[in-house]
């Protein structure tokens, strides 16, 4: 009976920490750090990597800067699609979604 009370008290004390754990699990939705590379596969799974200075310099040679909002979506067929956001309407919806 005493162990059950201790377990109950421990559970009650642990409940306030749940939002902190939920926030840390949203790390994939945060902004990128300098030197971080994100890869998105056609089936939608993602991976991130911190490149060292040599790898980063090599990757920057084949990279182009992003000058507008980029939107991706998963289709019903299970493939990842990149939405063309060059029109004014699609740009507005992309920027509204990114806020």
Protein backbone atom coordinates (compact mmCIF):
# COMPACT_ATOMS: atom_id res chain seq x y z
CA UNK A 1 0.00 0.00 0.00
CA UNK A 2 2.85 2.37 0.85
CA UNK A 3 4.55 1.63 -2.49
CA UNK A 4 1.31 2.41 -4.30
CA UNK A 5 1.10 5.80 -2.59
CA UNK A 6 4.71 6.58 -3.51
CA UNK A 7 4.06 5.57 -7.11
CA UNK A 8 0.95 7.76 -7.24
CA UNK A 9 2.84 10.73 -5.80
CA UNK A 10 5.63 10.24 -8.33
CA UNK A 11 3.09 10.19 -11.18
CA UNK A 12 1.42 13.36 -9.93
CA UNK A 13 4.80 15.11 -9.72
CA UNK A 14 5.76 13.93 -13.22
CA UNK A 15 2.65 15.31 -14.97
CA UNK A 16 3.90 18.96 -15.13
CA UNK A 17 7.01 17.83 -17.02
CA UNK A 18 5.02 16.36 -19.93
CA UNK A 19 4.80 19.65 -21.92
CA UNK A 20 8.59 19.95 -21.78
CA UNK A 21 8.99 16.48 -23.26
CA UNK A 22 6.43 17.29 -25.96
CA UNK A 23 8.28 20.48 -26.85
CA UNK A 24 11.59 18.66 -27.16
CA UNK A 25 10.02 16.11 -29.50
CA UNK A 26 9.08 18.95 -31.87
CA UNK A 27 12.75 19.62 -32.61
CA UNK A 28 12.22 18.67 -36.25
CA UNK A 29 9.92 21.67 -36.69
CA UNK A 30 12.45 24.19 -35.42
CA UNK A 31 14.74 26.36 -37.50
CA UNK A 32 17.94 24.91 -38.90
CA UNK A 33 21.33 25.64 -37.42
CA UNK A 34 24.29 26.89 -39.46
CA UNK A 35 26.00 23.96 -41.15
CA UNK A 36 23.00 21.65 -40.82
CA UNK A 37 21.81 19.75 -43.91
CA UNK A 38 18.28 18.32 -44.29
CA UNK A 39 17.46 15.57 -46.79
CA UNK A 40 13.85 14.75 -47.75
CA UNK A 41 13.22 11.45 -49.52
CA UNK A 42 10.38 10.87 -52.04
CA UNK A 43 8.48 8.74 -49.52
CA UNK A 44 8.51 11.63 -47.02
CA UNK A 45 11.05 10.52 -44.44
CA UNK A 46 13.67 13.05 -43.51
CA UNK A 47 17.18 13.10 -42.15
CA UNK A 48 19.46 15.82 -40.83
CA UNK A 49 23.23 16.01 -40.62
CA UNK A 50 25.71 18.50 -39.25
CA UNK A 51 28.43 18.87 -41.87
CA UNK A 52 32.00 19.67 -40.96
CA UNK A 53 33.69 22.60 -42.70
CA UNK A 54 35.16 20.51 -45.54
CA UNK A 55 31.87 18.76 -46.38
CA UNK A 56 29.98 22.03 -46.02
CA UNK A 57 32.24 23.80 -48.52
CA UNK A 58 31.82 20.97 -51.04
CA UNK A 59 28.03 20.97 -50.65
CA UNK A 60 27.82 24.75 -50.97
CA UNK A 61 29.37 24.51 -54.45
CA UNK A 62 26.33 22.61 -55.72
CA UNK A 63 23.75 24.57 -53.68
CA UNK A 64 21.60 27.53 -54.69
CA UNK A 65 20.07 29.97 -52.18
CA UNK A 66 16.35 29.82 -51.43
CA UNK A 67 14.79 33.21 -52.13
CA UNK A 68 11.12 32.34 -51.55
CA UNK A 69 8.91 30.14 -49.38
CA UNK A 70 9.19 26.42 -50.16
CA UNK A 71 6.19 24.15 -49.62
CA UNK A 72 6.11 20.34 -49.70
CA UNK A 73 3.22 17.96 -49.27
CA UNK A 74 2.59 14.23 -49.11
CA UNK A 75 0.29 13.00 -51.86
CA UNK A 76 -2.35 10.29 -51.49
CA UNK A 77 -0.03 8.00 -53.45
CA UNK A 78 2.58 8.22 -50.67
CA UNK A 79 5.04 10.35 -52.63
CA UNK A 80 6.46 13.68 -51.51
CA UNK A 81 5.67 16.67 -53.75
CA UNK A 82 7.22 20.14 -53.86
CA UNK A 83 4.63 22.84 -54.53
CA UNK A 84 5.48 25.61 -56.99
CA UNK A 85 5.20 28.81 -54.94
CA UNK A 86 6.21 31.32 -57.61
CA UNK A 87 2.70 32.77 -58.01
CA UNK A 88 1.46 35.45 -55.61
CA UNK A 89 -1.43 33.34 -54.25
CA UNK A 90 0.71 30.31 -53.52
CA UNK A 91 3.36 32.53 -51.93
CA UNK A 92 0.76 34.05 -49.58
CA UNK A 93 -0.53 30.64 -48.52
CA UNK A 94 3.00 29.32 -48.02
CA UNK A 95 3.99 32.31 -45.87
CA UNK A 96 0.77 32.03 -43.84
CA UNK A 97 1.49 28.36 -43.20
CA UNK A 98 5.08 29.06 -42.15
CA UNK A 99 4.10 31.56 -39.42
